[in-house]
Amino acid sequence: MASTRLSAATIGPVEQPRYVQLARLMRADIDRGALQVGDRLPGEREVCRRFEVSRTTVRRALEELQSQGYVQSDRARGWFVTALVEPNQLMGFTDLADRQGLAVTSRVLSCQVREATLAEVDDLQAPPGAEVLELERVRLMGGVPVGWQRVVAAAWLAPGLAAHDYQVESVFRGFRDHGIIPTRADYDVRAGTTDEAQSGLLEVRPGSPVLLIRATTFDQEGRRVEVSDGAFLGERYRFRTSVTAGGSALDPGSR
């Protein structure tokens, strides 16, 4: 982001600490779209000058916004608006972004229907000789790469999956067109870093922090309909879930 217009509001002598006021003003800029998903925030000096506050106040405000999930720090490049906060329900990446008014596209790297491998037959509990859709793409929000994802989907249950334009459409929507409703997903999430290939696709330095997410999705009849692997940038994506006292997780969104 070359330059971002900051709020015209000012910080006044009220009872709230100045860093709380500053965080509130910057959060308002994010909410109204002046600061958008993936944008780099103005530098600390510019914020100090604009709001006539100290650098300590700016840093505490940024830490406050980070704790609320609005921004994330990249020490080498500054602070960025966090791309996504996941709700505690199963929802496609495209559906979720639509709900939040975010422009989502994908750069499709490969898309083919082929026979399932032995490992995929096991993962999806597919019949022998079943066909799957293999889709690899880079997910973007506002034109900014958010993550890389590879999906293997049950094409034998939904033969029309390959006909969709996955630059702008989602696999979940393709399933729903066939009366197949994704209703539950099991997740394995861990921290990692980008390799050389992922770094090139996501336009970051090798070794950048990512969330590595593997998901198995089930439909309304309990059938396994999709297995996906993804690497989502830590500075642009947030994954959230809730657990109960009994230890069962509520389904978060993913794709």
Protein backbone atom coordinates (compact mmCIF):
# COMPACT_ATOMS: atom_id res chain seq x y z
CA MET A 1 0.00 0.00 0.00
CA ALA A 2 1.66 3.22 -1.11
CA SER A 3 -0.47 5.57 0.97
CA THR A 4 -3.67 5.08 2.94
CA ARG A 5 -6.03 7.89 3.90
CA LEU A 6 -6.46 8.04 7.65
CA SER A 7 -9.52 9.19 9.54
CA ALA A 8 -10.17 12.92 9.70
CA ALA A 9 -11.14 12.55 13.37
CA THR A 10 -8.85 13.67 16.15
CA ILE A 11 -8.03 12.42 19.62
CA GLY A 12 -9.52 14.54 22.37
CA PRO A 13 -8.94 14.95 26.10
CA VAL A 14 -11.49 12.41 27.30
CA GLU A 15 -11.29 9.83 30.06
CA GLN A 16 -10.25 6.97 27.76
CA PRO A 17 -6.48 6.47 27.36
CA ARG A 18 -5.12 7.99 24.16
CA TYR A 19 -4.06 4.62 22.76
CA VAL A 20 -7.64 3.32 23.20
CA GLN A 21 -8.98 6.33 21.30
CA LEU A 22 -6.43 5.85 18.54
CA ALA A 23 -7.23 2.14 18.24
CA ARG A 24 -10.93 3.00 18.00
CA LEU A 25 -10.32 5.52 15.20
CA MET A 26 -8.13 3.12 13.22
CA ARG A 27 -10.64 0.32 13.73
CA ALA A 28 -13.34 2.61 12.32
CA ASP A 29 -11.19 3.17 9.22
CA ILE A 30 -10.99 -0.60 8.74
CA ASP A 31 -14.72 -1.06 9.27
CA ARG A 32 -15.64 1.63 6.73
CA GLY A 33 -13.15 0.33 4.14
CA ALA A 34 -10.57 3.16 4.17
CA LEU A 35 -8.14 0.47 5.30
CA GLN A 36 -8.92 -2.75 3.46
CA VAL A 37 -7.98 -6.41 3.69
CA GLY A 38 -4.27 -6.92 3.11
CA ASP A 39 -3.47 -3.19 3.26
CA ARG A 40 -0.29 -2.11 4.98
CA LEU A 41 -0.98 0.48 7.64
CA PRO A 42 0.79 3.85 7.52
CA GLY A 43 4.14 3.93 9.30
CA GLU A 44 4.40 4.82 12.96
CA ARG A 45 5.90 8.25 12.23
CA GLU A 46 3.02 9.15 9.92
CA VAL A 47 0.45 8.08 12.51
CA CYS A 48 2.28 10.02 15.23
CA ARG A 49 2.29 13.13 13.07
CA ARG A 50 -1.33 12.74 11.94
CA PHE A 51 -2.81 12.28 15.42
CA GLU A 52 -0.18 14.19 17.42
CA VAL A 53 0.59 11.25 19.70
CA SER A 54 3.75 9.54 20.86
CA ARG A 55 5.23 6.44 19.27
CA THR A 56 4.45 4.55 22.49
CA THR A 57 0.76 5.44 22.06
CA VAL A 58 0.81 4.24 18.46
CA ARG A 59 2.44 0.93 19.37
CA ARG A 60 -0.03 0.28 22.19
CA ALA A 61 -2.92 1.07 19.83
CA LEU A 62 -1.57 -1.39 17.25
CA GLU A 63 -1.16 -4.05 19.92
CA GLU A 64 -4.77 -3.42 20.96
CA LEU A 65 -5.97 -3.85 17.36
CA GLN A 66 -3.90 -7.01 17.03
CA SER A 67 -5.49 -8.49 20.16
CA GLN A 68 -8.91 -7.81 18.59
CA GLY A 69 -7.92 -9.55 15.35
CA TYR A 70 -7.94 -6.44 13.14
CA VAL A 71 -4.22 -6.23 12.26
CA GLN A 72 -1.15 -8.42 12.19
CA SER A 73 2.52 -7.47 12.32
CA ASP A 74 5.20 -8.43 9.84
CA ARG A 75 8.41 -7.19 11.47
CA ALA A 76 10.16 -6.69 8.16
CA ARG A 77 7.35 -4.84 6.39
CA GLY A 78 5.08 -3.31 9.01
CA TRP A 79 1.47 -3.79 10.06
CA PHE A 80 -1.28 -5.22 7.83
CA VAL A 81 -5.05 -5.45 8.02
CA THR A 82 -5.99 -9.03 8.86
CA ALA A 83 -7.88 -10.58 5.98
CA LEU A 84 -10.43 -12.75 7.66
CA VAL A 85 -12.01 -13.63 10.97
CA GLU A 86 -13.77 -17.00 10.74
CA PRO A 87 -17.22 -17.53 12.26
CA ASN A 88 -18.00 -20.70 14.17
CA GLN A 89 -19.98 -22.36 11.42
CA LEU A 90 -19.06 -24.29 8.31
CA MET A 91 -18.97 -21.89 5.38
CA GLY A 92 -17.10 -21.76 2.11
CA PHE A 93 -14.28 -19.26 1.72
CA THR A 94 -16.22 -17.48 -1.05
CA ASP A 95 -19.49 -17.47 0.91
CA LEU A 96 -17.75 -16.06 3.96
CA ALA A 97 -16.07 -13.29 2.00
CA ASP A 98 -19.38 -12.39 0.32
CA ARG A 99 -20.98 -12.04 3.75
CA GLN A 100 -18.24 -9.60 4.77
CA GLY A 101 -18.41 -7.66 1.51
CA LEU A 102 -14.93 -8.73 0.39
CA ALA A 103 -14.00 -9.24 -3.26
CA VAL A 104 -12.72 -12.81 -3.67
CA THR A 105 -11.10 -14.30 -6.75
CA SER A 106 -8.78 -17.22 -7.40
CA ARG A 107 -5.85 -17.84 -9.68
CA VAL A 108 -6.44 -21.38 -10.90
CA LEU A 109 -3.20 -23.32 -11.24
CA SER A 110 -4.74 -26.64 -12.32
CA CYS A 111 -8.20 -28.16 -12.58
CA GLN A 112 -8.86 -31.70 -13.79
CA VAL A 113 -11.15 -34.67 -13.34
CA ARG A 114 -9.26 -37.95 -12.97
CA GLU A 115 -9.42 -41.32 -11.29
CA ALA A 116 -8.81 -41.26 -7.55
CA THR A 117 -5.50 -42.52 -6.24
CA LEU A 118 -5.42 -45.26 -3.60
CA ALA A 119 -4.77 -42.65 -0.90
CA GLU A 120 -7.71 -40.55 -2.09
CA VAL A 121 -9.99 -43.60 -2.20
CA ASP A 122 -9.13 -44.11 1.46
CA ASP A 123 -9.45 -40.40 2.40
CA LEU A 124 -12.82 -39.98 0.69
CA GLN A 125 -14.06 -43.56 1.15
CA ALA A 126 -14.62 -43.61 -2.60
CA PRO A 127 -15.72 -46.64 -4.64
CA PRO A 128 -13.07 -48.29 -6.85
CA GLY A 129 -12.44 -46.36 -10.05
CA ALA A 130 -14.25 -43.27 -8.78
CA GLU A 131 -13.48 -39.93 -10.37
CA VAL A 132 -12.38 -36.89 -8.37
CA LEU A 133 -11.94 -33.24 -9.16
CA GLU A 134 -8.43 -32.00 -8.37
CA LEU A 135 -8.27 -28.22 -8.07
CA GLU A 136 -5.22 -26.16 -7.15
CA ARG A 137 -5.45 -22.40 -6.84
CA VAL A 138 -4.24 -19.25 -5.10
CA ARG A 139 -7.00 -17.51 -3.13
CA LEU A 140 -7.08 -13.71 -3.32
CA MET A 141 -8.99 -11.00 -1.50
CA GLY A 142 -9.07 -7.60 -3.14
CA GLY A 143 -6.43 -8.90 -5.53
CA VAL A 144 -4.07 -9.72 -2.64
CA PRO A 145 -2.92 -13.37 -2.25
CA VAL A 146 -4.24 -14.83 1.01
CA GLY A 147 -3.37 -18.49 0.62
CA TRP A 148 -2.71 -21.51 -1.57
CA GLN A 149 -5.10 -24.45 -1.63
CA ARG A 150 -5.34 -27.88 -3.22
CA VAL A 151 -8.75 -29.59 -3.18
CA VAL A 152 -9.72 -33.15 -4.08
CA ALA A 153 -13.51 -33.40 -4.37
CA ALA A 154 -15.96 -36.26 -4.92
CA ALA A 155 -16.74 -35.75 -8.61
CA TRP A 156 -18.47 -39.16 -8.79
CA LEU A 157 -21.21 -37.66 -6.60
CA ALA A 158 -21.39 -34.37 -8.53
CA PRO A 159 -20.36 -34.91 -12.17
CA GLY A 160 -20.88 -31.24 -13.06
CA LEU A 161 -18.19 -29.95 -10.70
CA ALA A 162 -15.66 -29.55 -13.50
CA ALA A 163 -17.97 -27.20 -15.41
CA HIS A 164 -17.66 -24.39 -12.86
CA ASP A 165 -15.38 -21.36 -13.19
CA TYR A 166 -13.22 -21.65 -10.11
CA GLN A 167 -11.64 -18.27 -10.63
CA VAL A 168 -14.82 -16.83 -9.14
CA GLU A 169 -16.88 -19.80 -7.89
CA SER A 170 -16.51 -22.15 -4.92
CA VAL A 171 -16.52 -25.93 -4.73
CA PHE A 172 -19.13 -25.74 -1.96
CA ARG A 173 -21.50 -23.96 -4.32
CA GLY A 174 -20.84 -26.58 -6.97
CA PHE A 175 -21.84 -29.30 -4.52
CA ARG A 176 -24.98 -27.42 -3.51
CA ASP A 177 -26.01 -27.27 -7.18
CA HIS A 178 -26.14 -31.08 -7.02
CA GLY A 179 -28.13 -31.20 -3.78
CA ILE A 180 -25.03 -32.01 -1.73
CA ILE A 181 -24.81 -29.78 1.34
CA PRO A 182 -21.47 -29.52 3.17
CA THR A 183 -22.43 -29.74 6.84
CA ARG A 184 -19.35 -30.70 8.86
CA ALA A 185 -15.57 -30.58 8.55
CA ASP A 186 -12.67 -32.07 10.48
CA TYR A 187 -9.58 -29.86 10.65
CA ASP A 188 -5.91 -30.30 11.32
CA VAL A 189 -4.28 -26.89 11.77
CA ARG A 190 -0.63 -26.19 12.51
CA ALA A 191 1.86 -23.38 12.17
CA GLY A 192 4.40 -23.49 9.38
CA THR A 193 6.42 -21.41 6.94
CA THR A 194 6.28 -21.02 3.18
CA ASP A 195 8.58 -23.01 0.96
CA GLU A 196 10.09 -21.50 -2.18
CA ALA A 197 7.16 -22.46 -4.44
CA GLN A 198 4.50 -21.17 -2.02
CA SER A 199 6.46 -17.95 -1.46
CA GLY A 200 6.42 -17.24 -5.18
CA LEU A 201 2.69 -17.91 -5.46
CA LEU A 202 1.83 -15.81 -2.40
CA GLU A 203 4.32 -13.02 -3.19
CA VAL A 204 6.17 -13.22 0.12
CA ARG A 205 9.65 -14.07 1.27
CA PRO A 206 10.55 -17.77 1.74
CA GLY A 207 9.98 -18.77 5.33
CA SER A 208 7.00 -16.44 5.86
CA PRO A 209 4.57 -17.66 8.57
CA VAL A 210 1.51 -19.59 7.40
CA LEU A 211 -1.32 -21.64 8.82
CA LEU A 212 -1.21 -25.13 7.31
CA ILE A 213 -4.78 -26.41 7.20
CA ARG A 214 -5.96 -29.89 6.18
CA ALA A 215 -9.71 -30.37 6.11
CA THR A 216 -12.08 -33.25 5.42
CA THR A 217 -15.63 -32.12 4.62
CA PHE A 218 -18.80 -34.20 5.06
CA ASP A 219 -22.24 -33.70 3.51
CA GLN A 220 -25.73 -33.96 5.04
CA GLU A 221 -25.64 -37.76 4.68
CA GLY A 222 -22.28 -38.09 6.40
CA ARG A 223 -20.38 -38.81 3.18
CA ARG A 224 -16.86 -37.50 2.73
CA VAL A 225 -17.07 -35.10 -0.19
CA GLU A 226 -13.83 -33.13 -0.10
CA VAL A 227 -10.29 -33.20 1.25
CA SER A 228 -8.21 -30.05 1.05
CA ASP A 229 -4.74 -28.87 1.98
CA GLY A 230 -3.91 -25.18 2.27
CA ALA A 231 -1.27 -22.71 3.35
CA PHE A 232 -2.73 -19.37 4.46
CA LEU A 233 -0.59 -16.35 5.31
CA GLY A 234 -0.48 -15.55 9.00
CA GLU A 235 -0.53 -11.80 8.37
CA ARG A 236 -3.61 -11.95 6.12
CA TYR A 237 -5.75 -14.75 7.49
CA ARG A 238 -7.14 -15.67 10.87
CA PHE A 239 -8.63 -19.03 11.86
CA ARG A 240 -10.95 -19.12 14.86
CA THR A 241 -12.92 -21.88 16.55
CA SER A 242 -14.61 -22.55 19.88
CA VAL A 243 -14.54 -25.64 22.07
CA THR A 244 -16.99 -26.74 24.71
CA ALA A 245 -16.18 -28.07 28.17
CA GLY A 246 -16.64 -31.54 26.74
CA GLY A 247 -13.92 -30.89 24.21
CA SER A 248 -15.99 -30.92 21.01
CA ALA A 249 -15.22 -28.18 18.50
CA LEU A 250 -17.86 -26.08 16.83
CA ASP A 251 -17.41 -26.11 13.07
CA PRO A 252 -15.42 -23.14 11.76
CA GLY A 253 -15.36 -21.90 8.17
CA SER A 254 -12.54 -22.75 5.80
CA ARG A 255 -12.84 -22.28 2.12
